[in-house]
Amino acid sequence: MKDLMNLYDDMNWTNAAEYANGTRRKVLRDDKGKRTVLLQLPAGFFMAPHSHITTEQHFVLKGEYSSDGKNYPEGSYQLFVSGDEHGPFESKNGALILVIWDPLKIQE
């Protein structure tokens, strides 16, 4: 049986140094290129456009962010296929995002 991990508690958070200052992460899964991470974006968050070699999914659990001129409020979902350039990302007031990376290539 796997250990229970609460998405909303204060345990298991670490600084996410590769993101904007103040961004924190809670790793839920990290297995052979497959990752599931909670990202806690601070107010004033900014990330430049980028792409990945994996499929990436975003679920906005709290707050909101904007990207490519569109606003993504709580409850929003985005799917980026391998190689898609996405961003820039900004969050004026901060957000909690569930991010899933999988090596699976999804065809459009």
PDB file of N, CA and C in Angstrom:
ATOM      1  N   MET A   1       0.836  -1.179   0.000  1.00  0.00           N
ATOM      2  CA  MET A   1       0.000   0.000   0.000  1.00  0.00           C
ATOM      3  C   MET A   1       0.882   1.244   0.000  1.00  0.00           C
ATOM      4  N   LYS A   2       0.534   2.210  -0.822  1.00  0.00           N
ATOM      5  CA  LYS A   2       1.299   3.449  -0.894  1.00  0.00           C
ATOM      6  C   LYS A   2       0.925   4.364   0.263  1.00  0.00           C
ATOM      7  N   ASP A   3       1.868   5.220   0.637  1.00  0.00           N
ATOM      8  CA  ASP A   3       1.598   6.193   1.689  1.00  0.00           C
ATOM      9  C   ASP A   3       0.574   7.210   1.219  1.00  0.00           C
ATOM     10  N   LEU A   4      -0.286   7.605   2.122  1.00  0.00           N
ATOM     11  CA  LEU A   4      -1.265   8.643   1.844  1.00  0.00           C
ATOM     12  C   LEU A   4      -0.566   9.994   1.820  1.00  0.00           C
ATOM     13  N   MET A   5      -0.849  10.785   0.799  1.00  0.00           N
ATOM     14  CA  MET A   5      -0.290  12.131   0.736  1.00  0.00           C
ATOM     15  C   MET A   5      -1.443  13.109   0.539  1.00  0.00           C
ATOM     16  N   ASN A   6      -1.572  14.051   1.433  1.00  0.00           N
ATOM     17  CA  ASN A   6      -2.609  15.063   1.352  1.00  0.00           C
ATOM     18  C   ASN A   6      -2.121  16.199   0.467  1.00  0.00           C
ATOM     19  N   LEU A   7      -2.908  16.546  -0.545  1.00  0.00           N
ATOM     20  CA  LEU A   7      -2.511  17.600  -1.477  1.00  0.00           C
ATOM     21  C   LEU A   7      -2.443  18.970  -0.821  1.00  0.00           C
ATOM     22  N   TYR A   8      -3.238  19.176   0.223  1.00  0.00           N
ATOM     23  CA  TYR A   8      -3.389  20.518   0.777  1.00  0.00           C
ATOM     24  C   TYR A   8      -2.654  20.755   2.097  1.00  0.00           C
ATOM     25  N   ASP A   9      -2.028  19.733   2.664  1.00  0.00           N
ATOM     26  CA  ASP A   9      -1.338  19.968   3.936  1.00  0.00           C
ATOM     27  C   ASP A   9       0.021  20.640   3.697  1.00  0.00           C
ATOM     28  N   ASP A  10       0.718  20.957   4.765  1.00  0.00           N
ATOM     29  CA  ASP A  10       1.999  21.664   4.674  1.00  0.00           C
ATOM     30  C   ASP A  10       3.201  20.732   4.588  1.00  0.00           C
ATOM     31  N   MET A  11       2.978  19.431   4.520  1.00  0.00           N
ATOM     32  CA  MET A  11       4.079  18.468   4.490  1.00  0.00           C
ATOM     33  C   MET A  11       4.571  18.221   3.069  1.00  0.00           C
ATOM     34  N   ASN A  12       5.851  17.890   2.948  1.00  0.00           N
ATOM     35  CA  ASN A  12       6.500  17.457   1.705  1.00  0.00           C
ATOM     36  C   ASN A  12       6.670  18.546   0.649  1.00  0.00           C
ATOM     37  N   TRP A  13       6.532  19.803   1.016  1.00  0.00           N
ATOM     38  CA  TRP A  13       6.773  20.890   0.070  1.00  0.00           C
ATOM     39  C   TRP A  13       8.260  21.228   0.065  1.00  0.00           C
ATOM     40  N   THR A  14       8.803  21.522  -1.119  1.00  0.00           N
ATOM     41  CA  THR A  14      10.183  21.967  -1.255  1.00  0.00           C
ATOM     42  C   THR A  14      10.216  23.181  -2.174  1.00  0.00           C
ATOM     43  N   ASN A  15      11.289  23.941  -2.101  1.00  0.00           N
ATOM     44  CA  ASN A  15      11.465  25.066  -3.028  1.00  0.00           C
ATOM     45  C   ASN A  15      11.717  24.514  -4.419  1.00  0.00           C
ATOM     46  N   ALA A  16      11.120  25.132  -5.413  1.00  0.00           N
ATOM     47  CA  ALA A  16      11.285  24.720  -6.809  1.00  0.00           C
ATOM     48  C   ALA A  16      12.239  25.712  -7.471  1.00  0.00           C
ATOM     49  N   ALA A  17      13.529  25.458  -7.306  1.00  0.00           N
ATOM     50  CA  ALA A  17      14.564  26.407  -7.715  1.00  0.00           C
ATOM     51  C   ALA A  17      14.549  26.735  -9.204  1.00  0.00           C
ATOM     52  N   GLU A  18      14.051  25.836 -10.056  1.00  0.00           N
ATOM     53  CA  GLU A  18      14.064  26.088 -11.497  1.00  0.00           C
ATOM     54  C   GLU A  18      12.913  26.983 -11.951  1.00  0.00           C
ATOM     55  N   TYR A  19      12.050  27.356 -11.010  1.00  0.00           N
ATOM     56  CA  TYR A  19      10.925  28.252 -11.281  1.00  0.00           C
ATOM     57  C   TYR A  19      11.195  29.607 -10.626  1.00  0.00           C
ATOM     58  N   ALA A  20      10.258  30.527 -10.785  1.00  0.00           N
ATOM     59  CA  ALA A  20      10.385  31.859 -10.183  1.00  0.00           C
ATOM     60  C   ALA A  20      10.557  31.750  -8.671  1.00  0.00           C
ATOM     61  N   ASN A  21      11.264  32.714  -8.110  1.00  0.00           N
ATOM     62  CA  ASN A  21      11.503  32.751  -6.676  1.00  0.00           C
ATOM     63  C   ASN A  21      10.183  32.652  -5.906  1.00  0.00           C
ATOM     64  N   GLY A  22      10.139  31.792  -4.906  1.00  0.00           N
ATOM     65  CA  GLY A  22       8.950  31.612  -4.087  1.00  0.00           C
ATOM     66  C   GLY A  22       8.058  30.472  -4.537  1.00  0.00           C
ATOM     67  N   THR A  23       8.352  29.864  -5.693  1.00  0.00           N
ATOM     68  CA  THR A  23       7.562  28.723  -6.169  1.00  0.00           C
ATOM     69  C   THR A  23       7.946  27.488  -5.363  1.00  0.00           C
ATOM     70  N   ARG A  24       6.918  26.746  -4.923  1.00  0.00           N
ATOM     71  CA  ARG A  24       7.154  25.515  -4.169  1.00  0.00           C
ATOM     72  C   ARG A  24       6.518  24.338  -4.905  1.00  0.00           C
ATOM     73  N   ARG A  25       7.029  23.138  -4.593  1.00  0.00           N
ATOM     74  CA  ARG A  25       6.539  21.940  -5.250  1.00  0.00           C
ATOM     75  C   ARG A  25       6.362  20.811  -4.244  1.00  0.00           C
ATOM     76  N   LYS A  26       5.391  19.961  -4.539  1.00  0.00           N
ATOM     77  CA  LYS A  26       5.179  18.722  -3.793  1.00  0.00           C
ATOM     78  C   LYS A  26       5.139  17.618  -4.840  1.00  0.00           C
ATOM     79  N   VAL A  27       6.141  16.730  -4.823  1.00  0.00           N
ATOM     80  CA  VAL A  27       6.221  15.648  -5.802  1.00  0.00           C
ATOM     81  C   VAL A  27       5.316  14.507  -5.345  1.00  0.00           C
ATOM     82  N   LEU A  28       4.363  14.154  -6.190  1.00  0.00           N
ATOM     83  CA  LEU A  28       3.435  13.069  -5.895  1.00  0.00           C
ATOM     84  C   LEU A  28       3.857  11.768  -6.570  1.00  0.00           C
ATOM     85  N   ARG A  29       4.510  11.900  -7.734  1.00  0.00           N
ATOM     86  CA  ARG A  29       4.977  10.726  -8.479  1.00  0.00           C
ATOM     87  C   ARG A  29       6.211  11.122  -9.267  1.00  0.00           C
ATOM     88  N   ASP A  30       7.232  10.267  -9.248  1.00  0.00           N
ATOM     89  CA  ASP A  30       8.449  10.471 -10.040  1.00  0.00           C
ATOM     90  C   ASP A  30       8.982   9.091 -10.390  1.00  0.00           C
ATOM     91  N   ASP A  31       8.603   8.596 -11.573  1.00  0.00           N
ATOM     92  CA  ASP A  31       8.901   7.212 -11.931  1.00  0.00           C
ATOM     93  C   ASP A  31       9.215   7.098 -13.417  1.00  0.00           C
ATOM     94  N   LYS A  32      10.481   6.912 -13.746  1.00  0.00           N
ATOM     95  CA  LYS A  32      10.918   6.643 -15.119  1.00  0.00           C
ATOM     96  C   LYS A  32      10.379   7.657 -16.131  1.00  0.00           C
ATOM     97  N   GLY A  33      10.554   8.927 -15.834  1.00  0.00           N
ATOM     98  CA  GLY A  33      10.128   9.988 -16.744  1.00  0.00           C
ATOM     99  C   GLY A  33       8.686  10.417 -16.584  1.00  0.00           C
ATOM    100  N   LYS A  34       7.962   9.728 -15.728  1.00  0.00           N
ATOM    101  CA  LYS A  34       6.573  10.091 -15.440  1.00  0.00           C
ATOM    102  C   LYS A  34       6.568  10.851 -14.122  1.00  0.00           C
ATOM    103  N   ARG A  35       6.014  12.073 -14.142  1.00  0.00           N
ATOM    104  CA  ARG A  35       6.021  12.896 -12.931  1.00  0.00           C
ATOM    105  C   ARG A  35       4.655  13.532 -12.719  1.00  0.00           C
ATOM    106  N   THR A  36       4.242  13.582 -11.461  1.00  0.00           N
ATOM    107  CA  THR A  36       3.047  14.295 -11.051  1.00  0.00           C
ATOM    108  C   THR A  36       3.466  15.196  -9.903  1.00  0.00           C
ATOM    109  N   VAL A  37       3.227  16.506 -10.063  1.00  0.00           N
ATOM    110  CA  VAL A  37       3.737  17.487  -9.116  1.00  0.00           C
ATOM    111  C   VAL A  37       2.669  18.543  -8.858  1.00  0.00           C
ATOM    112  N   LEU A  38       2.565  18.941  -7.605  1.00  0.00           N
ATOM    113  CA  LEU A  38       1.779  20.130  -7.272  1.00  0.00           C
ATOM    114  C   LEU A  38       2.736  21.303  -7.314  1.00  0.00           C
ATOM    115  N   LEU A  39       2.385  22.352  -8.021  1.00  0.00           N
ATOM    116  CA  LEU A  39       3.183  23.579  -8.037  1.00  0.00           C
ATOM    117  C   LEU A  39       2.377  24.669  -7.352  1.00  0.00           C
ATOM    118  N   GLN A  40       2.984  25.301  -6.386  1.00  0.00           N
ATOM    119  CA  GLN A  40       2.376  26.428  -5.689  1.00  0.00           C
ATOM    120  C   GLN A  40       3.057  27.687  -6.217  1.00  0.00           C
ATOM    121  N   LEU A  41       2.334  28.413  -7.061  1.00  0.00           N
ATOM    122  CA  LEU A  41       2.885  29.614  -7.684  1.00  0.00           C
ATOM    123  C   LEU A  41       2.668  30.806  -6.767  1.00  0.00           C
ATOM    124  N   PRO A  42       3.708  31.596  -6.529  1.00  0.00           N
ATOM    125  CA  PRO A  42       3.547  32.783  -5.685  1.00  0.00           C
ATOM    126  C   PRO A  42       2.887  33.922  -6.460  1.00  0.00           C
ATOM    127  N   ALA A  43       2.377  34.890  -5.753  1.00  0.00           N
ATOM    128  CA  ALA A  43       1.869  36.106  -6.393  1.00  0.00           C
ATOM    129  C   ALA A  43       3.002  36.729  -7.200  1.00  0.00           C
ATOM    130  N   GLY A  44       2.707  37.185  -8.396  1.00  0.00           N
ATOM    131  CA  GLY A  44       3.723  37.782  -9.262  1.00  0.00           C
ATOM    132  C   GLY A  44       4.519  36.768 -10.065  1.00  0.00           C
ATOM    133  N   PHE A  45       4.101  35.512 -10.081  1.00  0.00           N
ATOM    134  CA  PHE A  45       4.813  34.447 -10.802  1.00  0.00           C
ATOM    135  C   PHE A  45       4.923  34.779 -12.286  1.00  0.00           C
ATOM    136  N   PHE A  46       6.080  34.460 -12.869  1.00  0.00           N
ATOM    137  CA  PHE A  46       6.297  34.582 -14.311  1.00  0.00           C
ATOM    138  C   PHE A  46       7.210  33.469 -14.765  1.00  0.00           C
ATOM    139  N   MET A  47       6.879  32.859 -15.916  1.00  0.00           N
ATOM    140  CA  MET A  47       7.747  31.865 -16.551  1.00  0.00           C
ATOM    141  C   MET A  47       7.709  32.108 -18.059  1.00  0.00           C
ATOM    142  N   ALA A  48       8.882  32.152 -18.663  1.00  0.00           N
ATOM    143  CA  ALA A  48       9.011  32.386 -20.105  1.00  0.00           C
ATOM    144  C   ALA A  48       8.457  31.200 -20.904  1.00  0.00           C
ATOM    145  N   PRO A  49       8.140  31.423 -22.183  1.00  0.00           N
ATOM    146  CA  PRO A  49       7.693  30.320 -23.039  1.00  0.00           C
ATOM    147  C   PRO A  49       8.760  29.224 -23.103  1.00  0.00           C
ATOM    148  N   HIS A  50       8.296  27.985 -23.210  1.00  0.00           N
ATOM    149  CA  HIS A  50       9.203  26.845 -23.274  1.00  0.00           C
ATOM    150  C   HIS A  50       8.446  25.651 -23.853  1.00  0.00           C
ATOM    151  N   SER A  51       9.154  24.538 -24.062  1.00  0.00           N
ATOM    152  CA  SER A  51       8.521  23.303 -24.516  1.00  0.00           C
ATOM    153  C   SER A  51       9.162  22.132 -23.786  1.00  0.00           C
ATOM    154  N   HIS A  52       8.564  20.964 -23.941  1.00  0.00           N
ATOM    155  CA  HIS A  52       9.060  19.745 -23.292  1.00  0.00           C
ATOM    156  C   HIS A  52       9.098  18.616 -24.313  1.00  0.00           C
ATOM    157  N   ILE A  53       9.821  17.568 -23.983  1.00  0.00           N
ATOM    158  CA  ILE A  53       9.839  16.375 -24.838  1.00  0.00           C
ATOM    159  C   ILE A  53       8.765  15.385 -24.390  1.00  0.00           C
ATOM    160  N   THR A  54       7.998  15.751 -23.377  1.00  0.00           N
ATOM    161  CA  THR A  54       6.924  14.903 -22.872  1.00  0.00           C
ATOM    162  C   THR A  54       5.588  15.628 -22.989  1.00  0.00           C
ATOM    163  N   THR A  55       4.515  14.889 -22.842  1.00  0.00           N
ATOM    164  CA  THR A  55       3.181  15.468 -22.744  1.00  0.00           C
ATOM    165  C   THR A  55       3.051  16.104 -21.366  1.00  0.00           C
ATOM    166  N   GLU A  56       2.407  17.253 -21.282  1.00  0.00           N
ATOM    167  CA  GLU A  56       2.234  17.963 -20.013  1.00  0.00           C
ATOM    168  C   GLU A  56       0.767  18.343 -19.856  1.00  0.00           C
ATOM    169  N   GLN A  57       0.225  18.103 -18.664  1.00  0.00           N
ATOM    170  CA  GLN A  57      -1.147  18.464 -18.347  1.00  0.00           C
ATOM    171  C   GLN A  57      -1.163  19.409 -17.159  1.00  0.00           C
ATOM    172  N   HIS A  58      -2.045  20.393 -17.182  1.00  0.00           N
ATOM    173  CA  HIS A  58      -2.219  21.343 -16.074  1.00  0.00           C
ATOM    174  C   HIS A  58      -3.661  21.283 -15.594  1.00  0.00           C
ATOM    175  N   PHE A  59      -3.843  21.174 -14.291  1.00  0.00           N
ATOM    176  CA  PHE A  59      -5.142  21.279 -13.643  1.00  0.00           C
ATOM    177  C   PHE A  59      -5.032  22.410 -12.625  1.00  0.00           C
ATOM    178  N   VAL A  60      -5.786  23.482 -12.779  1.00  0.00           N
ATOM    179  CA  VAL A  60      -5.734  24.602 -11.845  1.00  0.00           C
ATOM    180  C   VAL A  60      -6.662  24.269 -10.674  1.00  0.00           C
ATOM    181  N   LEU A  61      -6.072  24.023  -9.499  1.00  0.00           N
ATOM    182  CA  LEU A  61      -6.844  23.638  -8.319  1.00  0.00           C
ATOM    183  C   LEU A  61      -7.297  24.831  -7.493  1.00  0.00           C
ATOM    184  N   LYS A  62      -6.452  25.860  -7.434  1.00  0.00           N
ATOM    185  CA  LYS A  62      -6.778  27.090  -6.700  1.00  0.00           C
ATOM    186  C   LYS A  62      -6.156  28.258  -7.442  1.00  0.00           C
ATOM    187  N   GLY A  63      -6.782  29.408  -7.344  1.00  0.00           N
ATOM    188  CA  GLY A  63      -6.234  30.613  -7.960  1.00  0.00           C
ATOM    189  C   GLY A  63      -6.403  30.589  -9.466  1.00  0.00           C
ATOM    190  N   GLU A  64      -5.489  31.275 -10.147  1.00  0.00           N
ATOM    191  CA  GLU A  64      -5.547  31.348 -11.609  1.00  0.00           C
ATOM    192  C   GLU A  64      -4.200  31.771 -12.155  1.00  0.00           C
ATOM    193  N   TYR A  65      -3.997  31.493 -13.436  1.00  0.00           N
ATOM    194  CA  TYR A  65      -2.833  32.015 -14.145  1.00  0.00           C
ATOM    195  C   TYR A  65      -3.266  32.407 -15.543  1.00  0.00           C
ATOM    196  N   SER A  66      -2.406  33.157 -16.217  1.00  0.00           N
ATOM    197  CA  SER A  66      -2.674  33.523 -17.603  1.00  0.00           C
ATOM    198  C   SER A  66      -1.533  33.015 -18.466  1.00  0.00           C
ATOM    199  N   SER A  67      -1.870  32.717 -19.707  1.00  0.00           N
ATOM    200  CA  SER A  67      -0.890  32.227 -20.662  1.00  0.00           C
ATOM    201  C   SER A  67      -1.398  32.532 -22.067  1.00  0.00           C
ATOM    202  N   ASP A  68      -0.523  33.014 -22.912  1.00  0.00           N
ATOM    203  CA  ASP A  68      -0.874  33.310 -24.303  1.00  0.00           C
ATOM    204  C   ASP A  68      -2.115  34.198 -24.414  1.00  0.00           C
ATOM    205  N   GLY A  69      -2.242  35.153 -23.495  1.00  0.00           N
ATOM    206  CA  GLY A  69      -3.347  36.096 -23.551  1.00  0.00           C
ATOM    207  C   GLY A  69      -4.674  35.574 -23.032  1.00  0.00           C
ATOM    208  N   LYS A  70      -4.690  34.357 -22.478  1.00  0.00           N
ATOM    209  CA  LYS A  70      -5.920  33.771 -21.935  1.00  0.00           C
ATOM    210  C   LYS A  70      -5.772  33.557 -20.437  1.00  0.00           C
ATOM    211  N   ASN A  71      -6.894  33.660 -19.729  1.00  0.00           N
ATOM    212  CA  ASN A  71      -6.914  33.454 -18.290  1.00  0.00           C
ATOM    213  C   ASN A  71      -7.402  32.036 -17.990  1.00  0.00           C
ATOM    214  N   TYR A  72      -6.737  31.352 -17.057  1.00  0.00           N
ATOM    215  CA  TYR A  72      -7.099  29.996 -16.660  1.00  0.00           C
ATOM    216  C   TYR A  72      -7.428  29.990 -15.171  1.00  0.00           C
ATOM    217  N   PRO A  73      -8.722  30.108 -14.833  1.00  0.00           N
ATOM    218  CA  PRO A  73      -9.132  30.150 -13.427  1.00  0.00           C
ATOM    219  C   PRO A  73      -9.224  28.751 -12.825  1.00  0.00           C
ATOM    220  N   GLU A  74      -9.497  28.714 -11.538  1.00  0.00           N
ATOM    221  CA  GLU A  74      -9.710  27.462 -10.816  1.00  0.00           C
ATOM    222  C   GLU A  74     -10.657  26.563 -11.605  1.00  0.00           C
ATOM    223  N   GLY A  75     -10.270  25.299 -11.759  1.00  0.00           N
ATOM    224  CA  GLY A  75     -11.072  24.339 -12.511  1.00  0.00           C
ATOM    225  C   GLY A  75     -10.642  24.176 -13.956  1.00  0.00           C
ATOM    226  N   SER A  76      -9.710  24.998 -14.429  1.00  0.00           N
ATOM    227  CA  SER A  76      -9.257  24.920 -15.823  1.00  0.00           C
ATOM    228  C   SER A  76      -8.308  23.740 -16.035  1.00  0.00           C
ATOM    229  N   TYR A  77      -8.286  23.278 -17.269  1.00  0.00           N
ATOM    230  CA  TYR A  77      -7.406  22.173 -17.676  1.00  0.00           C
ATOM    231  C   TYR A  77      -6.757  22.541 -18.997  1.00  0.00           C
ATOM    232  N   GLN A  78      -5.458  22.195 -19.114  1.00  0.00           N
ATOM    233  CA  GLN A  78      -4.754  22.367 -20.382  1.00  0.00           C
ATOM    234  C   GLN A  78      -3.926  21.123 -20.661  1.00  0.00           C
ATOM    235  N   LEU A  79      -3.808  20.783 -21.947  1.00  0.00           N
ATOM    236  CA  LEU A  79      -2.989  19.669 -22.402  1.00  0.00           C
ATOM    237  C   LEU A  79      -2.005  20.200 -23.432  1.00  0.00           C
ATOM    238  N   PHE A  80      -0.731  19.909 -23.226  1.00  0.00           N
ATOM    239  CA  PHE A  80       0.318  20.280 -24.171  1.00  0.00           C
ATOM    240  C   PHE A  80       0.974  18.988 -24.648  1.00  0.00           C
ATOM    241  N   VAL A  81       0.954  18.763 -25.951  1.00  0.00           N
ATOM    242  CA  VAL A  81       1.596  17.560 -26.473  1.00  0.00           C
ATOM    243  C   VAL A  81       3.102  17.792 -26.569  1.00  0.00           C
ATOM    244  N   SER A  82       3.831  16.719 -26.675  1.00  0.00           N
ATOM    245  CA  SER A  82       5.284  16.769 -26.769  1.00  0.00           C
ATOM    246  C   SER A  82       5.722  17.756 -27.845  1.00  0.00           C
ATOM    247  N   GLY A  83       6.604  18.685 -27.471  1.00  0.00           N
ATOM    248  CA  GLY A  83       7.133  19.661 -28.415  1.00  0.00           C
ATOM    249  C   GLY A  83       6.351  20.954 -28.520  1.00  0.00           C
ATOM    250  N   ASP A  84       5.140  21.003 -27.965  1.00  0.00           N
ATOM    251  CA  ASP A  84       4.355  22.243 -27.984  1.00  0.00           C
ATOM    252  C   ASP A  84       5.074  23.337 -27.198  1.00  0.00           C
ATOM    253  N   GLU A  85       5.226  24.518 -27.809  1.00  0.00           N
ATOM    254  CA  GLU A  85       5.722  25.650 -27.026  1.00  0.00           C
ATOM    255  C   GLU A  85       4.526  26.250 -26.303  1.00  0.00           C
ATOM    256  N   HIS A  86       4.693  26.504 -25.020  1.00  0.00           N
ATOM    257  CA  HIS A  86       3.614  27.081 -24.230  1.00  0.00           C
ATOM    258  C   HIS A  86       4.174  28.132 -23.282  1.00  0.00           C
ATOM    259  N   GLY A  87       3.304  29.087 -22.948  1.00  0.00           N
ATOM    260  CA  GLY A  87       3.724  30.205 -22.134  1.00  0.00           C
ATOM    261  C   GLY A  87       3.771  31.463 -22.982  1.00  0.00           C
ATOM    262  N   PRO A  88       4.170  32.574 -22.391  1.00  0.00           N
ATOM    263  CA  PRO A  88       4.609  32.706 -20.997  1.00  0.00           C
ATOM    264  C   PRO A  88       3.444  32.488 -20.030  1.00  0.00           C
ATOM    265  N   PHE A  89       3.792  32.139 -18.797  1.00  0.00           N
ATOM    266  CA  PHE A  89       2.819  31.939 -17.733  1.00  0.00           C
ATOM    267  C   PHE A  89       3.000  33.035 -16.701  1.00  0.00           C
ATOM    268  N   GLU A  90       1.871  33.585 -16.253  1.00  0.00           N
ATOM    269  CA  GLU A  90       1.891  34.617 -15.217  1.00  0.00           C
ATOM    270  C   GLU A  90       0.758  34.349 -14.232  1.00  0.00           C
ATOM    271  N   SER A  91       1.012  34.652 -12.960  1.00  0.00           N
ATOM    272  CA  SER A  91      -0.048  34.562 -11.960  1.00  0.00           C
ATOM    273  C   SER A  91       0.058  35.775 -11.056  1.00  0.00           C
ATOM    274  N   LYS A  92      -0.908  36.656 -11.185  1.00  0.00           N
ATOM    275  CA  LYS A  92      -0.902  37.898 -10.408  1.00  0.00           C
ATOM    276  C   LYS A  92      -1.026  37.632  -8.913  1.00  0.00           C
ATOM    277  N   ASN A  93      -1.946  36.724  -8.534  1.00  0.00           N
ATOM    278  CA  ASN A  93      -2.212  36.472  -7.112  1.00  0.00           C
ATOM    279  C   ASN A  93      -1.773  35.097  -6.625  1.00  0.00           C
ATOM    280  N   GLY A  94      -1.130  34.295  -7.483  1.00  0.00           N
ATOM    281  CA  GLY A  94      -0.683  32.962  -7.101  1.00  0.00           C
ATOM    282  C   GLY A  94      -1.702  31.907  -7.498  1.00  0.00           C
ATOM    283  N   ALA A  95      -1.269  30.646  -7.483  1.00  0.00           N
ATOM    284  CA  ALA A  95      -2.132  29.539  -7.885  1.00  0.00           C
ATOM    285  C   ALA A  95      -1.561  28.221  -7.385  1.00  0.00           C
ATOM    286  N   LEU A  96      -2.408  27.220  -7.328  1.00  0.00           N
ATOM    287  CA  LEU A  96      -2.006  25.848  -7.038  1.00  0.00           C
ATOM    288  C   LEU A  96      -2.351  25.030  -8.275  1.00  0.00           C
ATOM    289  N   ILE A  97      -1.323  24.448  -8.911  1.00  0.00           N
ATOM    290  CA  ILE A  97      -1.479  23.746 -10.171  1.00  0.00           C
ATOM    291  C   ILE A  97      -1.013  22.301 -10.007  1.00  0.00           C
ATOM    292  N   LEU A  98      -1.823  21.359 -10.447  1.00  0.00           N
ATOM    293  CA  LEU A  98      -1.407  19.964 -10.541  1.00  0.00           C
ATOM    294  C   LEU A  98      -0.848  19.777 -11.939  1.00  0.00           C
ATOM    295  N   VAL A  99       0.430  19.387 -12.030  1.00  0.00           N
ATOM    296  CA  VAL A  99       1.103  19.230 -13.320  1.00  0.00           C
ATOM    297  C   VAL A  99       1.500  17.770 -13.473  1.00  0.00           C
ATOM    298  N   ILE A 100       1.171  17.207 -14.638  1.00  0.00           N
ATOM    299  CA  ILE A 100       1.506  15.812 -14.932  1.00  0.00           C
ATOM    300  C   ILE A 100       2.322  15.781 -16.216  1.00  0.00           C
ATOM    301  N   TRP A 101       3.509  15.179 -16.123  1.00  0.00           N
ATOM    302  CA  TRP A 101       4.360  14.970 -17.298  1.00  0.00           C
ATOM    303  C   TRP A 101       4.430  13.473 -17.559  1.00  0.00           C
ATOM    304  N   ASP A 102       4.194  13.091 -18.805  1.00  0.00           N
ATOM    305  CA  ASP A 102       4.304  11.688 -19.208  1.00  0.00           C
ATOM    306  C   ASP A 102       5.040  11.602 -20.529  1.00  0.00           C
ATOM    307  N   PRO A 103       5.886  10.589 -20.698  1.00  0.00           N
ATOM    308  CA  PRO A 103       6.642  10.463 -21.949  1.00  0.00           C
ATOM    309  C   PRO A 103       5.774  10.087 -23.139  1.00  0.00           C
ATOM    310  N   LEU A 104       4.534   9.717 -22.891  1.00  0.00           N
ATOM    311  CA  LEU A 104       3.604   9.347 -23.951  1.00  0.00           C
ATOM    312  C   LEU A 104       3.404  10.497 -24.926  1.00  0.00           C
ATOM    313  N   LYS A 105       3.507  10.215 -26.198  1.00  0.00           N
ATOM    314  CA  LYS A 105       3.243  11.223 -27.220  1.00  0.00           C
ATOM    315  C   LYS A 105       1.781  11.098 -27.631  1.00  0.00           C
ATOM    316  N   ILE A 106       1.011  12.150 -27.421  1.00  0.00           N
ATOM    317  CA  ILE A 106      -0.398  12.165 -27.789  1.00  0.00           C
ATOM    318  C   ILE A 106      -0.532  12.809 -29.159  1.00  0.00           C
ATOM    319  N   GLN A 107      -1.233  12.170 -30.035  1.00  0.00           N
ATOM    320  CA  GLN A 107      -1.455  12.702 -31.379  1.00  0.00           C
ATOM    321  C   GLN A 107      -2.639  13.652 -31.350  1.00  0.00           C
ATOM    322  N   GLU A 108      -2.539  14.750 -32.053  1.00  0.00           N
ATOM    323  CA  GLU A 108      -3.656  15.696 -32.146  1.00  0.00           C
ATOM    324  C   GLU A 108      -4.665  15.224 -33.164  1.00  0.00           C
TER     325      GLU A 108
END
